[in-house]
Amino acid sequence: MKIIQDEKGTVWTAVTFLIIFIWLLIVSVLKVINSQYRDMNKVKMSAAAFHLAEAGITKGLWEISKGNTGYRGEKGTKLDIGAFSVDVRSRNGQFIITSTGYIPDMKHVRAKSVVRASAEKDGKGVYRTVIWQKL
C-alpha cells in the first residue's frame, strides 16, 4: 500500500486527539475520586464530632448521677480523636446538659457537633434522659 503524501499527518492527528481524550478522561475521573474522598472525610469527621458530643452528655449524666449536683461542666476534655465540652444547668428539677464535640480540638476545629439532653430523676432516684436532640 502506498501512503499518499496528504494522508501522512492524518494518523498522527488521530493519535494525538485520542491521547488528549484519554488524558482528559483520566483527569475527570481523578477529580471525581478526589471530591468523593473529601466528602467522605467530612462525613467521617462529622460523625466523630457527634460521638464526642454524646460522650460529653454521658459524662454529664454520670457526674450528676453519682451525686455531684454542683457539676457545671468542663471544657476541652481530650479523647483519642478529639475533644468535648460540657455545660450543665439545673432548671425545674431537670438538668439540661449541652455538649459540643470537636475534631481535632477546640483550637483547630475541622468538625463540630452539638447535642443537648434533659435529664430528670426517675422513680428509683436515677437520672435518665427525657429529651435528646442534636442542635
C-alpha atoms as a PDB file:
ATOM      1  CA  MET A   1       0.000   0.000   0.000  1.00  0.00           C
ATOM      2  CA  LYS A   2       1.171   3.395  -0.847  1.00  0.00           C
ATOM      3  CA  ILE A   3       0.579   6.225   1.549  1.00  0.00           C
ATOM      4  CA  ILE A   4      -0.427   9.307  -0.253  1.00  0.00           C
ATOM      5  CA  GLN A   5       1.593  12.348   0.727  1.00  0.00           C
ATOM      6  CA  ASP A   6      -1.514  14.215   2.006  1.00  0.00           C
ATOM      7  CA  GLU A   7      -2.511  11.342   4.363  1.00  0.00           C
ATOM      8  CA  LYS A   8       0.768  11.127   6.351  1.00  0.00           C
ATOM      9  CA  GLY A   9      -0.350  13.528   9.111  1.00  0.00           C
ATOM     10  CA  THR A  10      -3.845  12.048   9.485  1.00  0.00           C
ATOM     11  CA  VAL A  11      -2.729   9.133  11.673  1.00  0.00           C
ATOM     12  CA  TRP A  12      -0.648  11.403  13.912  1.00  0.00           C
ATOM     13  CA  THR A  13      -3.552  13.798  14.291  1.00  0.00           C
ATOM     14  CA  ALA A  14      -5.941  10.967  15.192  1.00  0.00           C
ATOM     15  CA  VAL A  15      -3.454   9.512  17.717  1.00  0.00           C
ATOM     16  CA  THR A  16      -2.876  12.959  19.251  1.00  0.00           C
ATOM     17  CA  PHE A  17      -6.608  13.552  19.666  1.00  0.00           C
ATOM     18  CA  LEU A  18      -7.032  10.063  21.132  1.00  0.00           C
ATOM     19  CA  ILE A  19      -4.246  10.688  23.678  1.00  0.00           C
ATOM     20  CA  ILE A  20      -5.753  14.065  24.626  1.00  0.00           C
ATOM     21  CA  PHE A  21      -9.203  12.475  25.016  1.00  0.00           C
ATOM     22  CA  ILE A  22      -7.858   9.686  27.251  1.00  0.00           C
ATOM     23  CA  TRP A  23      -5.882  12.215  29.308  1.00  0.00           C
ATOM     24  CA  LEU A  24      -8.983  14.398  29.827  1.00  0.00           C
ATOM     25  CA  LEU A  25     -10.999  11.332  30.789  1.00  0.00           C
ATOM     26  CA  ILE A  26      -8.389  10.284  33.385  1.00  0.00           C
ATOM     27  CA  VAL A  27      -8.203  13.819  34.834  1.00  0.00           C
ATOM     28  CA  SER A  28     -12.014  13.948  35.126  1.00  0.00           C
ATOM     29  CA  VAL A  29     -12.176  10.588  36.886  1.00  0.00           C
ATOM     30  CA  LEU A  30      -9.414  11.633  39.303  1.00  0.00           C
ATOM     31  CA  LYS A  31     -11.281  14.865  40.118  1.00  0.00           C
ATOM     32  CA  VAL A  32     -14.454  12.902  40.911  1.00  0.00           C
ATOM     33  CA  ILE A  33     -12.499  10.451  43.092  1.00  0.00           C
ATOM     34  CA  ASN A  34     -10.833  13.336  44.954  1.00  0.00           C
ATOM     35  CA  SER A  35     -14.190  15.048  45.528  1.00  0.00           C
ATOM     36  CA  GLN A  36     -15.728  11.816  46.818  1.00  0.00           C
ATOM     37  CA  TYR A  37     -12.772  11.301  49.165  1.00  0.00           C
ATOM     38  CA  ARG A  38     -13.118  14.825  50.609  1.00  0.00           C
ATOM     39  CA  ASP A  39     -16.877  14.375  51.103  1.00  0.00           C
ATOM     40  CA  MET A  40     -16.400  11.037  52.846  1.00  0.00           C
ATOM     41  CA  ASN A  41     -13.737  12.548  55.087  1.00  0.00           C
ATOM     42  CA  LYS A  42     -16.147  15.356  56.077  1.00  0.00           C
ATOM     43  CA  VAL A  43     -18.863  12.813  56.891  1.00  0.00           C
ATOM     44  CA  LYS A  44     -16.397  10.765  58.943  1.00  0.00           C
ATOM     45  CA  MET A  45     -15.241  13.812  60.928  1.00  0.00           C
ATOM     46  CA  SER A  46     -18.818  14.994  61.461  1.00  0.00           C
ATOM     47  CA  ALA A  47     -19.831  11.580  62.819  1.00  0.00           C
ATOM     48  CA  ALA A  48     -16.792  11.518  65.113  1.00  0.00           C
ATOM     49  CA  ALA A  49     -17.648  15.001  66.442  1.00  0.00           C
ATOM     50  CA  PHE A  50     -21.215  13.827  67.101  1.00  0.00           C
ATOM     51  CA  HIS A  51     -19.963  10.814  69.063  1.00  0.00           C
ATOM     52  CA  LEU A  52     -17.664  13.071  71.085  1.00  0.00           C
ATOM     53  CA  ALA A  53     -20.646  15.284  71.912  1.00  0.00           C
ATOM     54  CA  GLU A  54     -22.559  12.177  73.000  1.00  0.00           C
ATOM     55  CA  ALA A  55     -19.606  11.251  75.221  1.00  0.00           C
ATOM     56  CA  GLY A  56     -19.917  14.662  76.848  1.00  0.00           C
ATOM     57  CA  ILE A  57     -23.615  14.064  77.539  1.00  0.00           C
ATOM     58  CA  THR A  58     -22.736  10.715  79.088  1.00  0.00           C
ATOM     59  CA  LYS A  59     -20.060  12.356  81.237  1.00  0.00           C
ATOM     60  CA  GLY A  60     -22.537  14.980  82.443  1.00  0.00           C
ATOM     61  CA  LEU A  61     -25.130  12.316  83.285  1.00  0.00           C
ATOM     62  CA  TRP A  62     -22.519  10.281  85.107  1.00  0.00           C
ATOM     63  CA  GLU A  63     -21.441  13.275  87.211  1.00  0.00           C
ATOM     64  CA  ILE A  64     -24.964  14.208  88.316  1.00  0.00           C
ATOM     65  CA  SER A  65     -25.948  10.540  88.807  1.00  0.00           C
ATOM     66  CA  LYS A  66     -23.128   9.993  91.276  1.00  0.00           C
ATOM     67  CA  GLY A  67     -24.496  12.868  93.358  1.00  0.00           C
ATOM     68  CA  ASN A  68     -22.310  15.660  92.034  1.00  0.00           C
ATOM     69  CA  THR A  69     -25.246  18.048  91.535  1.00  0.00           C
ATOM     70  CA  GLY A  70     -22.846  21.001  91.712  1.00  0.00           C
ATOM     71  CA  TYR A  71     -21.171  19.835  88.496  1.00  0.00           C
ATOM     72  CA  ARG A  72     -21.494  22.588  85.886  1.00  0.00           C
ATOM     73  CA  GLY A  73     -19.439  21.081  83.087  1.00  0.00           C
ATOM     74  CA  GLU A  74     -15.947  21.111  81.678  1.00  0.00           C
ATOM     75  CA  LYS A  75     -14.106  22.428  78.638  1.00  0.00           C
ATOM     76  CA  GLY A  76     -11.764  20.798  76.186  1.00  0.00           C
ATOM     77  CA  THR A  77     -11.744  17.276  77.592  1.00  0.00           C
ATOM     78  CA  LYS A  78      -9.424  15.346  75.254  1.00  0.00           C
ATOM     79  CA  LEU A  79     -10.154  11.871  73.956  1.00  0.00           C
ATOM     80  CA  ASP A  80      -8.267   9.891  71.310  1.00  0.00           C
ATOM     81  CA  ILE A  81      -9.786  11.516  68.249  1.00  0.00           C
ATOM     82  CA  GLY A  82     -10.884  14.904  69.529  1.00  0.00           C
ATOM     83  CA  ALA A  83     -12.329  16.806  72.456  1.00  0.00           C
ATOM     84  CA  PHE A  84     -15.644  17.724  74.026  1.00  0.00           C
ATOM     85  CA  SER A  85     -17.003  20.471  76.234  1.00  0.00           C
ATOM     86  CA  VAL A  86     -19.994  20.094  78.549  1.00  0.00           C
ATOM     87  CA  ASP A  87     -22.318  22.673  80.088  1.00  0.00           C
ATOM     88  CA  VAL A  88     -24.748  21.527  82.795  1.00  0.00           C
ATOM     89  CA  ARG A  89     -27.577  23.712  84.108  1.00  0.00           C
ATOM     90  CA  SER A  90     -30.314  22.938  86.614  1.00  0.00           C
ATOM     91  CA  ARG A  91     -33.893  24.006  85.816  1.00  0.00           C
ATOM     92  CA  ASN A  92     -37.191  22.968  87.433  1.00  0.00           C
ATOM     93  CA  GLY A  93     -35.862  19.670  88.793  1.00  0.00           C
ATOM     94  CA  GLN A  94     -34.196  18.798  85.498  1.00  0.00           C
ATOM     95  CA  PHE A  95     -30.629  19.071  84.358  1.00  0.00           C
ATOM     96  CA  ILE A  96     -30.036  20.497  80.890  1.00  0.00           C
ATOM     97  CA  ILE A  97     -26.781  19.108  79.521  1.00  0.00           C
ATOM     98  CA  THR A  98     -25.311  20.665  76.387  1.00  0.00           C
ATOM     99  CA  SER A  99     -22.229  19.064  74.912  1.00  0.00           C
ATOM    100  CA  THR A 100     -20.083  20.048  71.939  1.00  0.00           C
ATOM    101  CA  GLY A 101     -17.730  17.630  70.196  1.00  0.00           C
ATOM    102  CA  TYR A 102     -14.695  18.973  68.321  1.00  0.00           C
ATOM    103  CA  ILE A 103     -12.372  17.373  65.789  1.00  0.00           C
ATOM    104  CA  PRO A 104      -9.409  17.534  66.399  1.00  0.00           C
ATOM    105  CA  ASP A 105      -9.757  20.019  69.309  1.00  0.00           C
ATOM    106  CA  MET A 106     -11.317  23.345  70.344  1.00  0.00           C
ATOM    107  CA  LYS A 107      -8.487  25.460  68.890  1.00  0.00           C
ATOM    108  CA  HIS A 108      -8.289  23.780  65.477  1.00  0.00           C
ATOM    109  CA  VAL A 109     -11.889  22.908  64.652  1.00  0.00           C
ATOM    110  CA  ARG A 110     -12.358  20.863  61.476  1.00  0.00           C
ATOM    111  CA  ALA A 111     -15.707  19.392  62.550  1.00  0.00           C
ATOM    112  CA  LYS A 112     -18.126  20.293  65.336  1.00  0.00           C
ATOM    113  CA  SER A 113     -21.359  18.826  66.659  1.00  0.00           C
ATOM    114  CA  VAL A 114     -23.660  20.000  69.464  1.00  0.00           C
ATOM    115  CA  VAL A 115     -26.051  17.747  71.413  1.00  0.00           C
ATOM    116  CA  ARG A 116     -28.457  18.722  74.202  1.00  0.00           C
ATOM    117  CA  ALA A 117     -30.173  16.412  76.658  1.00  0.00           C
ATOM    118  CA  SER A 118     -32.589  16.959  79.527  1.00  0.00           C
ATOM    119  CA  ALA A 119     -32.287  14.592  82.470  1.00  0.00           C
ATOM    120  CA  GLU A 120     -34.528  14.065  85.457  1.00  0.00           C
ATOM    121  CA  LYS A 121     -34.790  11.554  88.294  1.00  0.00           C
ATOM    122  CA  ASP A 122     -36.983   8.547  87.706  1.00  0.00           C
ATOM    123  CA  GLY A 123     -38.961   6.720  90.394  1.00  0.00           C
ATOM    124  CA  LYS A 124     -35.798   4.951  91.602  1.00  0.00           C
ATOM    125  CA  GLY A 125     -33.856   8.183  92.017  1.00  0.00           C
ATOM    126  CA  VAL A 126     -31.681   7.593  88.940  1.00  0.00           C
ATOM    127  CA  TYR A 127     -31.186  10.400  86.411  1.00  0.00           C
ATOM    128  CA  ARG A 128     -32.474   9.463  82.964  1.00  0.00           C
ATOM    129  CA  THR A 129     -32.574  11.451  79.763  1.00  0.00           C
ATOM    130  CA  VAL A 130     -36.050  12.569  78.791  1.00  0.00           C
ATOM    131  CA  ILE A 131     -35.117  14.669  75.746  1.00  0.00           C
ATOM    132  CA  TRP A 132     -32.142  14.187  73.467  1.00  0.00           C
ATOM    133  CA  GLN A 133     -31.579  16.437  70.471  1.00  0.00           C
ATOM    134  CA  LYS A 134     -28.875  17.310  68.005  1.00  0.00           C
ATOM    135  CA  LEU A 135     -28.575  21.061  67.581  1.00  0.00           C
END
